[in-house]
C-alpha atoms as a PDB file:
ATOM      1  CA  MET A   1      86.780  95.470  85.457  1.00  0.00           C
ATOM      2  CA  SER A   2      89.239  97.938  84.195  1.00  0.00           C
ATOM      3  CA  TYR A   3      88.455 100.183  81.281  1.00  0.00           C
ATOM      4  CA  TRP A   4      90.709 102.134  78.842  1.00  0.00           C
ATOM      5  CA  CYS A   5      92.375 105.203  80.671  1.00  0.00           C
ATOM      6  CA  GLN A   6      90.925 103.887  83.988  1.00  0.00           C
ATOM      7  CA  MET A   7      93.713 105.671  86.473  1.00  0.00           C
ATOM      8  CA  TYR A   8      92.451 104.236  89.837  1.00  0.00           C
ATOM      9  CA  PHE A   9      91.665 100.853  91.277  1.00  0.00           C
ATOM     10  CA  GLN A  10      88.291  98.922  90.292  1.00  0.00           C
ATOM     11  CA  ASN A  11      85.214  99.624  92.538  1.00  0.00           C
ATOM     12  CA  GLY A  12      85.431  97.510  95.941  1.00  0.00           C
ATOM     13  CA  VAL A  13      82.577  95.254  96.542  1.00  0.00           C
ATOM     14  CA  THR A  14      84.101  93.758  99.533  1.00  0.00           C
ATOM     15  CA  PHE A  15      84.899  95.343 103.016  1.00  0.00           C
ATOM     16  CA  THR A  16      88.480  94.448 102.654  1.00  0.00           C
ATOM     17  CA  SER A  17      88.760  96.070  99.323  1.00  0.00           C
ATOM     18  CA  MET A  18      87.254  99.263 100.228  1.00  0.00           C
ATOM     19  CA  ARG A  19      89.355  99.431 103.321  1.00  0.00           C
ATOM     20  CA  VAL A  20      92.504  99.340 101.033  1.00  0.00           C
ATOM     21  CA  GLN A  21      91.258 101.706  98.619  1.00  0.00           C
ATOM     22  CA  TRP A  22      90.420 104.444 101.442  1.00  0.00           C
ATOM     23  CA  ALA A  23      93.669 104.182 103.008  1.00  0.00           C
ATOM     24  CA  PHE A  24      95.621 104.107  99.662  1.00  0.00           C
ATOM     25  CA  GLY A  25      93.675 107.496  98.920  1.00  0.00           C
ATOM     26  CA  MET A  26      94.300 109.074 102.680  1.00  0.00           C
ATOM     27  CA  TYR A  27      98.135 108.195 101.970  1.00  0.00           C
ATOM     28  CA  CYS A  28      98.096 109.895  98.612  1.00  0.00           C
ATOM     29  CA  VAL A  29      96.399 113.123 100.277  1.00  0.00           C
ATOM     30  CA  VAL A  30      98.917 113.166 103.225  1.00  0.00           C
ATOM     31  CA  LEU A  31     102.080 112.429 101.044  1.00  0.00           C
ATOM     32  CA  MET A  32     100.666 115.471  98.430  1.00  0.00           C
ATOM     33  CA  LEU A  33     100.682 117.929 101.371  1.00  0.00           C
ATOM     34  CA  ILE A  34     103.941 116.957 102.758  1.00  0.00           C
ATOM     35  CA  PHE A  35     105.597 117.248  99.388  1.00  0.00           C
ATOM     36  CA  VAL A  36     103.929 120.672  98.886  1.00  0.00           C
ATOM     37  CA  PHE A  37     105.078 121.978 102.386  1.00  0.00           C
ATOM     38  CA  VAL A  38     108.432 120.903 102.116  1.00  0.00           C
ATOM     39  CA  MET A  39     108.936 122.464  98.505  1.00  0.00           C
ATOM     40  CA  LEU A  40     107.486 125.524  99.836  1.00  0.00           C
ATOM     41  CA  SER A  41     109.809 125.544 102.986  1.00  0.00           C
ATOM     42  CA  VAL A  42     112.730 124.971 100.568  1.00  0.00           C
ATOM     43  CA  PHE A  43     111.864 127.748  98.265  1.00  0.00           C
ATOM     44  CA  LEU A  44     111.425 130.268 100.978  1.00  0.00           C
ATOM     45  CA  CYS A  45     114.986 129.377 102.493  1.00  0.00           C
ATOM     46  CA  CYS A  46     116.413 129.394  99.436  1.00  0.00           C
ATOM     47  CA  SER A  47     114.737 132.771  98.392  1.00  0.00           C
ATOM     48  CA  GLY A  48     117.600 134.648 100.197  1.00  0.00           C
ATOM     49  CA  SER A  49     115.181 136.287 102.675  1.00  0.00           C
ATOM     50  CA  HIS A  50     116.820 137.554 105.863  1.00  0.00           C
ATOM     51  CA  GLN A  51     113.900 136.358 107.953  1.00  0.00           C
ATOM     52  CA  PHE A  52     114.787 132.813 107.516  1.00  0.00           C
ATOM     53  CA  ILE A  53     118.711 132.843 108.215  1.00  0.00           C
ATOM     54  CA  TYR A  54     118.170 131.616 111.888  1.00  0.00           C
ATOM     55  CA  MET A  55     116.636 128.435 110.499  1.00  0.00           C
ATOM     56  CA  ASN A  56     120.328 127.095 109.835  1.00  0.00           C
ATOM     57  CA  THR A  57     121.387 127.105 113.449  1.00  0.00           C
ATOM     58  CA  ASP A  58     117.972 126.985 115.116  1.00  0.00           C
ATOM     59  CA  HIS A  59     117.959 124.105 117.537  1.00  0.00           C
ATOM     60  CA  ASN A  60     114.209 124.289 118.203  1.00  0.00           C
ATOM     61  CA  LEU A  61     113.514 123.989 114.394  1.00  0.00           C
ATOM     62  CA  GLU A  62     115.958 120.793 114.683  1.00  0.00           C
ATOM     63  CA  ARG A  63     113.690 119.396 117.282  1.00  0.00           C
ATOM     64  CA  ILE A  64     110.552 120.276 115.102  1.00  0.00           C
ATOM     65  CA  TRP A  65     111.852 118.705 112.024  1.00  0.00           C
ATOM     66  CA  GLY A  66     112.457 115.498 113.989  1.00  0.00           C
ATOM     67  CA  THR A  67     109.438 115.300 115.633  1.00  0.00           C
ATOM     68  CA  VAL A  68     106.767 115.928 112.738  1.00  0.00           C
ATOM     69  CA  PRO A  69     108.122 113.464 111.060  1.00  0.00           C
ATOM     70  CA  LEU A  70     107.733 110.944 113.829  1.00  0.00           C
ATOM     71  CA  LEU A  71     104.092 111.874 114.540  1.00  0.00           C
ATOM     72  CA  ILE A  72     103.361 111.520 110.543  1.00  0.00           C
ATOM     73  CA  LEU A  73     104.752 107.957 110.589  1.00  0.00           C
ATOM     74  CA  VAL A  74     102.536 107.163 113.719  1.00  0.00           C
ATOM     75  CA  PHE A  75      99.589 108.448 112.285  1.00  0.00           C
ATOM     76  CA  LEU A  76     100.087 106.485 109.152  1.00  0.00           C
ATOM     77  CA  SER A  77     101.077 103.442 110.721  1.00  0.00           C
ATOM     78  CA  TRP A  78      97.698 103.125 112.763  1.00  0.00           C
ATOM     79  CA  PRO A  79      95.168 102.840 109.772  1.00  0.00           C
ATOM     80  CA  SER A  80      97.966 100.368 108.770  1.00  0.00           C
ATOM     81  CA  MET A  81      97.979  98.233 111.248  1.00  0.00           C
ATOM     82  CA  GLY A  82      94.322  97.800 111.425  1.00  0.00           C
ATOM     83  CA  LEU A  83      94.074  96.989 107.668  1.00  0.00           C
ATOM     84  CA  LEU A  84      96.592  94.432 108.085  1.00  0.00           C
ATOM     85  CA  TYR A  85      94.523  92.631 110.952  1.00  0.00           C
ATOM     86  CA  VAL A  86      91.414  92.703 108.840  1.00  0.00           C
ATOM     87  CA  LEU A  87      93.523  91.469 105.743  1.00  0.00           C
ATOM     88  CA  SER A  88      94.742  88.413 108.112  1.00  0.00           C
ATOM     89  CA  GLU A  89      91.421  87.501 109.856  1.00  0.00           C
ATOM     90  CA  LEU A  90      89.378  84.622 108.784  1.00  0.00           C
ATOM     91  CA  GLU A  91      85.611  84.252 109.712  1.00  0.00           C
ATOM     92  CA  THR A  92      83.836  81.082 109.704  1.00  0.00           C
ATOM     93  CA  PRO A  93      82.775  80.387 106.190  1.00  0.00           C
ATOM     94  CA  LEU A  94      79.622  79.032 105.208  1.00  0.00           C
ATOM     95  CA  VAL A  95      81.379  77.838 101.396  1.00  0.00           C
ATOM     96  CA  THR A  96      84.809  77.027 100.893  1.00  0.00           C
ATOM     97  CA  ILE A  97      86.364  76.880  97.270  1.00  0.00           C
ATOM     98  CA  LYS A  98      89.841  75.410  96.402  1.00  0.00           C
ATOM     99  CA  CYS A  99      91.344  77.392  93.528  1.00  0.00           C
ATOM    100  CA  ILE A 100      94.313  74.948  91.852  1.00  0.00           C
ATOM    101  CA  GLY A 101      96.463  76.744  89.112  1.00  0.00           C
ATOM    102  CA  HIS A 102      97.648  74.781  86.237  1.00  0.00           C
ATOM    103  CA  GLN A 103      99.463  75.376  83.006  1.00  0.00           C
ATOM    104  CA  TRP A 104      97.778  77.640  82.021  1.00  0.00           C
ATOM    105  CA  TYR A 105      94.295  77.172  83.475  1.00  0.00           C
ATOM    106  CA  TRP A 106      92.193  77.289  86.735  1.00  0.00           C
ATOM    107  CA  GLU A 107      90.893  73.982  88.300  1.00  0.00           C
ATOM    108  CA  TYR A 108      87.967  75.013  90.916  1.00  0.00           C
ATOM    109  CA  GLU A 109      86.683  72.702  93.854  1.00  0.00           C
ATOM    110  CA  TYR A 110      83.669  72.821  95.767  1.00  0.00           C
ATOM    111  CA  THR A 111      84.859  70.447  98.782  1.00  0.00           C
ATOM    112  CA  GLU A 112      81.985  70.793 101.412  1.00  0.00           C
ATOM    113  CA  PHE A 113      79.330  69.517  98.868  1.00  0.00           C
ATOM    114  CA  GLY A 114      81.304  66.758  97.795  1.00  0.00           C
ATOM    115  CA  VAL A 115      84.045  66.459  95.323  1.00  0.00           C
ATOM    116  CA  VAL A 116      82.653  68.858  92.924  1.00  0.00           C
ATOM    117  CA  SER A 117      85.382  70.242  90.695  1.00  0.00           C
ATOM    118  CA  TYR A 118      85.669  71.797  87.027  1.00  0.00           C
ATOM    119  CA  ASN A 119      88.470  73.539  84.601  1.00  0.00           C
ATOM    120  CA  SER A 120      87.718  76.760  83.587  1.00  0.00           C
ATOM    121  CA  TYR A 121      89.615  77.659  80.417  1.00  0.00           C
ATOM    122  CA  MET A 122      89.880  80.949  78.558  1.00  0.00           C
ATOM    123  CA  VAL A 123      87.776  81.520  75.385  1.00  0.00           C
ATOM    124  CA  PRO A 124      90.031  82.001  72.286  1.00  0.00           C
ATOM    125  CA  GLU A 125      89.636  85.512  70.537  1.00  0.00           C
ATOM    126  CA  ASP A 126      88.022  83.981  67.415  1.00  0.00           C
ATOM    127  CA  GLU A 127      85.245  82.169  69.222  1.00  0.00           C
ATOM    128  CA  LEU A 128      84.135  85.246  71.645  1.00  0.00           C
ATOM    129  CA  LYS A 129      80.707  86.663  71.348  1.00  0.00           C
ATOM    130  CA  LEU A 130      79.478  90.177  70.905  1.00  0.00           C
ATOM    131  CA  GLY A 131      80.352  91.966  74.375  1.00  0.00           C
ATOM    132  CA  GLU A 132      82.843  89.204  75.900  1.00  0.00           C
ATOM    133  CA  PRO A 133      85.745  90.940  76.893  1.00  0.00           C
ATOM    134  CA  ARG A 134      88.988  89.512  75.007  1.00  0.00           C
ATOM    135  CA  LEU A 135      91.867  87.393  77.299  1.00  0.00           C
ATOM    136  CA  LEU A 136      89.046  87.772  80.369  1.00  0.00           C
ATOM    137  CA  THR A 137      86.216  85.488  79.139  1.00  0.00           C
ATOM    138  CA  VAL A 138      86.159  81.705  80.151  1.00  0.00           C
ATOM    139  CA  ASP A 139      84.397  79.071  79.152  1.00  0.00           C
ATOM    140  CA  LYS A 140      83.212  78.136  82.778  1.00  0.00           C
ATOM    141  CA  SER A 141      83.094  80.834  85.775  1.00  0.00           C
ATOM    142  CA  MET A 142      83.738  80.551  89.503  1.00  0.00           C
ATOM    143  CA  VAL A 143      80.363  80.988  91.196  1.00  0.00           C
ATOM    144  CA  LEU A 144      79.844  82.657  94.776  1.00  0.00           C
ATOM    145  CA  PRO A 145      77.205  83.404  96.692  1.00  0.00           C
ATOM    146  CA  PHE A 146      76.627  87.098  97.852  1.00  0.00           C
ATOM    147  CA  SER A 147      76.787  88.616 101.638  1.00  0.00           C
ATOM    148  CA  VAL A 148      78.078  84.861 102.901  1.00  0.00           C
ATOM    149  CA  TRP A 149      81.544  84.419 104.062  1.00  0.00           C
ATOM    150  CA  CYS A 150      83.268  82.422 101.455  1.00  0.00           C
ATOM    151  CA  ARG A 151      86.844  80.698 102.022  1.00  0.00           C
ATOM    152  CA  ILE A 152      89.337  80.640  99.178  1.00  0.00           C
ATOM    153  CA  LEU A 153      92.150  78.206  99.162  1.00  0.00           C
ATOM    154  CA  THR A 154      94.854  78.362  96.606  1.00  0.00           C
ATOM    155  CA  THR A 155      97.256  75.663  95.673  1.00  0.00           C
ATOM    156  CA  SER A 156      99.101  75.047  92.276  1.00  0.00           C
ATOM    157  CA  PHE A 157      99.919  71.918  90.849  1.00  0.00           C
ATOM    158  CA  ASP A 158     102.946  72.847  88.915  1.00  0.00           C
ATOM    159  CA  VAL A 159     104.519  76.398  88.979  1.00  0.00           C
ATOM    160  CA  VAL A 160     103.562  79.261  91.196  1.00  0.00           C
ATOM    161  CA  HIS A 161     100.412  80.802  90.000  1.00  0.00           C
ATOM    162  CA  SER A 162      98.448  83.841  92.031  1.00  0.00           C
ATOM    163  CA  TRP A 163      94.839  84.077  92.234  1.00  0.00           C
ATOM    164  CA  THR A 164      93.827  87.716  91.974  1.00  0.00           C
ATOM    165  CA  VAL A 165      90.709  89.617  91.889  1.00  0.00           C
ATOM    166  CA  PRO A 166      91.055  93.238  92.320  1.00  0.00           C
ATOM    167  CA  ALA A 167      87.512  94.114  92.990  1.00  0.00           C
ATOM    168  CA  PHE A 168      87.643  91.513  95.999  1.00  0.00           C
ATOM    169  CA  GLY A 169      90.760  93.057  97.502  1.00  0.00           C
ATOM    170  CA  VAL A 170      92.388  89.355  97.102  1.00  0.00           C
ATOM    171  CA  LYS A 171      95.600  88.240  95.590  1.00  0.00           C
ATOM    172  CA  SER A 172      96.550  84.892  96.844  1.00  0.00           C
ATOM    173  CA  ASP A 173      99.672  83.131  95.665  1.00  0.00           C
ATOM    174  CA  ALA A 174      99.194  79.579  94.657  1.00  0.00           C
ATOM    175  CA  VAL A 175     102.337  77.519  95.495  1.00  0.00           C
ATOM    176  CA  PRO A 176     102.650  73.633  94.915  1.00  0.00           C
ATOM    177  CA  GLY A 177     102.647  71.439  98.067  1.00  0.00           C
ATOM    178  CA  ARG A 178     100.929  74.510 100.264  1.00  0.00           C
ATOM    179  CA  LEU A 179      97.826  76.171 101.022  1.00  0.00           C
ATOM    180  CA  SER A 180      97.014  79.718 100.757  1.00  0.00           C
ATOM    181  CA  GLU A 181      93.855  80.877 102.844  1.00  0.00           C
ATOM    182  CA  SER A 182      91.893  84.178 102.441  1.00  0.00           C
ATOM    183  CA  SER A 183      88.065  84.723 102.979  1.00  0.00           C
ATOM    184  CA  VAL A 184      85.871  87.261 100.692  1.00  0.00           C
ATOM    185  CA  LYS A 185      82.147  88.389 101.688  1.00  0.00           C
ATOM    186  CA  VAL A 186      80.960  90.221  98.111  1.00  0.00           C
ATOM    187  CA  GLU A 187      78.420  92.631  99.175  1.00  0.00           C
ATOM    188  CA  MET A 188      76.783  92.809  95.855  1.00  0.00           C
ATOM    189  CA  PRO A 189      75.975  90.590  92.950  1.00  0.00           C
ATOM    190  CA  GLY A 190      77.531  90.888  89.695  1.00  0.00           C
ATOM    191  CA  VAL A 191      80.469  89.409  87.285  1.00  0.00           C
ATOM    192  CA  PHE A 192      84.185  90.441  88.106  1.00  0.00           C
ATOM    193  CA  TRP A 193      87.115  89.648  86.808  1.00  0.00           C
ATOM    194  CA  GLY A 194      90.856  88.877  87.490  1.00  0.00           C
ATOM    195  CA  GLN A 195      94.015  87.234  86.178  1.00  0.00           C
ATOM    196  CA  CYS A 196      97.012  85.402  87.286  1.00  0.00           C
ATOM    197  CA  SER A 197      99.422  87.965  88.476  1.00  0.00           C
ATOM    198  CA  GLU A 198     102.454  85.798  89.042  1.00  0.00           C
ATOM    199  CA  ILE A 199     104.665  85.499  86.016  1.00  0.00           C
ATOM    200  CA  CYS A 200     104.356  81.418  85.596  1.00  0.00           C
ATOM    201  CA  GLY A 201     105.400  80.792  82.126  1.00  0.00           C
ATOM    202  CA  ALA A 202     104.978  81.224  78.314  1.00  0.00           C
ATOM    203  CA  LEU A 203     100.789  81.445  78.611  1.00  0.00           C
ATOM    204  CA  HIS A 204     100.756  83.339  81.897  1.00  0.00           C
ATOM    205  CA  SER A 205      98.330  86.138  80.128  1.00  0.00           C
ATOM    206  CA  PHE A 206      95.787  83.368  78.986  1.00  0.00           C
ATOM    207  CA  MET A 207      94.682  82.117  82.316  1.00  0.00           C
ATOM    208  CA  PRO A 208      92.067  84.509  83.296  1.00  0.00           C
ATOM    209  CA  ILE A 209      89.555  84.499  86.331  1.00  0.00           C
ATOM    210  CA  ARG A 210      85.900  85.083  86.004  1.00  0.00           C
ATOM    211  CA  VAL A 211      83.496  85.142  89.242  1.00  0.00           C
ATOM    212  CA  GLU A 212      79.759  85.200  89.146  1.00  0.00           C
ATOM    213  CA  VAL A 213      78.265  86.566  92.451  1.00  0.00           C
ATOM    214  CA  VAL A 214      74.756  85.439  93.027  1.00  0.00           C
ATOM    215  CA  SER A 215      72.215  84.845  95.185  1.00  0.00           C
ATOM    216  CA  GLY A 216      72.008  82.088  97.816  1.00  0.00           C
ATOM    217  CA  GLU A 217      68.877  80.221  96.115  1.00  0.00           C
ATOM    218  CA  LEU A 218      70.516  80.637  92.293  1.00  0.00           C
ATOM    219  CA  PHE A 219      74.081  79.483  94.163  1.00  0.00           C
ATOM    220  CA  TYR A 220      72.610  76.312  95.038  1.00  0.00           C
ATOM    221  CA  LYS A 221      70.590  75.604  92.031  1.00  0.00           C
ATOM    222  CA  TRP A 222      74.024  76.016  89.994  1.00  0.00           C
ATOM    223  CA  LEU A 223      75.728  73.589  92.358  1.00  0.00           C
ATOM    224  CA  TRP A 224      72.943  70.701  92.072  1.00  0.00           C
ATOM    225  CA  LEU A 225      72.593  71.191  88.394  1.00  0.00           C
ATOM    226  CA  LEU A 226      77.040  71.123  88.508  1.00  0.00           C
ATOM    227  CA  GLU A 227      76.812  67.990  90.708  1.00  0.00           C
ATOM    228  CA  GLU A 228      73.995  66.368  88.239  1.00  0.00           C
ATOM    229  CA  GLY A 229      76.411  66.781  85.396  1.00  0.00           C
ATOM    230  CA  SER A 230      73.608  68.649  83.291  1.00  0.00           C
ATOM    231  CA  LEU A 231      75.445  72.181  83.593  1.00  0.00           C
ATOM    232  CA  GLU A 232      77.645  73.007  80.409  1.00  0.00           C
ATOM    233  CA  GLY A 233      79.053  76.294  81.437  1.00  0.00           C
END
């Protein structure tokens, strides 16, 4: 979850999110070095020093200015291509969850264990308990097992939504009549939050996502209670 004055990403808990954050940090460092070098070069060229006069007519310098940016772009594109491959790669899942966007709440279906579904609504501010975050707390959370490949299917019942959990590195659009697919493998248990990141209507900011990642044993116990109808939240 993001906190007050947080300037960077949320801590990644999947290989994908860690890879995205690493690539972003590397790009920021490279771009900062390029900016400092260009500004220093411009300052020296415009300072009036006679030793830089030849730069106005030197053909070798033109070749360098054309070749170096090309090499930099190739260097930056290499990790990007690998990252795009990782993001599009779908592993064989053990658990499949279908996330259906409604105006304005989420519906979750665990289709591999029979048609087990429930709705997840945001808890109003006047009903929050001590320590529960505002605009993020829900009555029923989505539950996933950790260290297990899970397939997330997203679609919508009415308008376009977006199922987004930053710690997972997942932003999957929920489009009516279509299924979007993504895979996650959470490497640690915990509670993680997200929100719909598509402007879907007047109550767009009131359909949060809360994901509880637990052990496989607790996950199957929770699923059994859900099937029996004895689980309240």
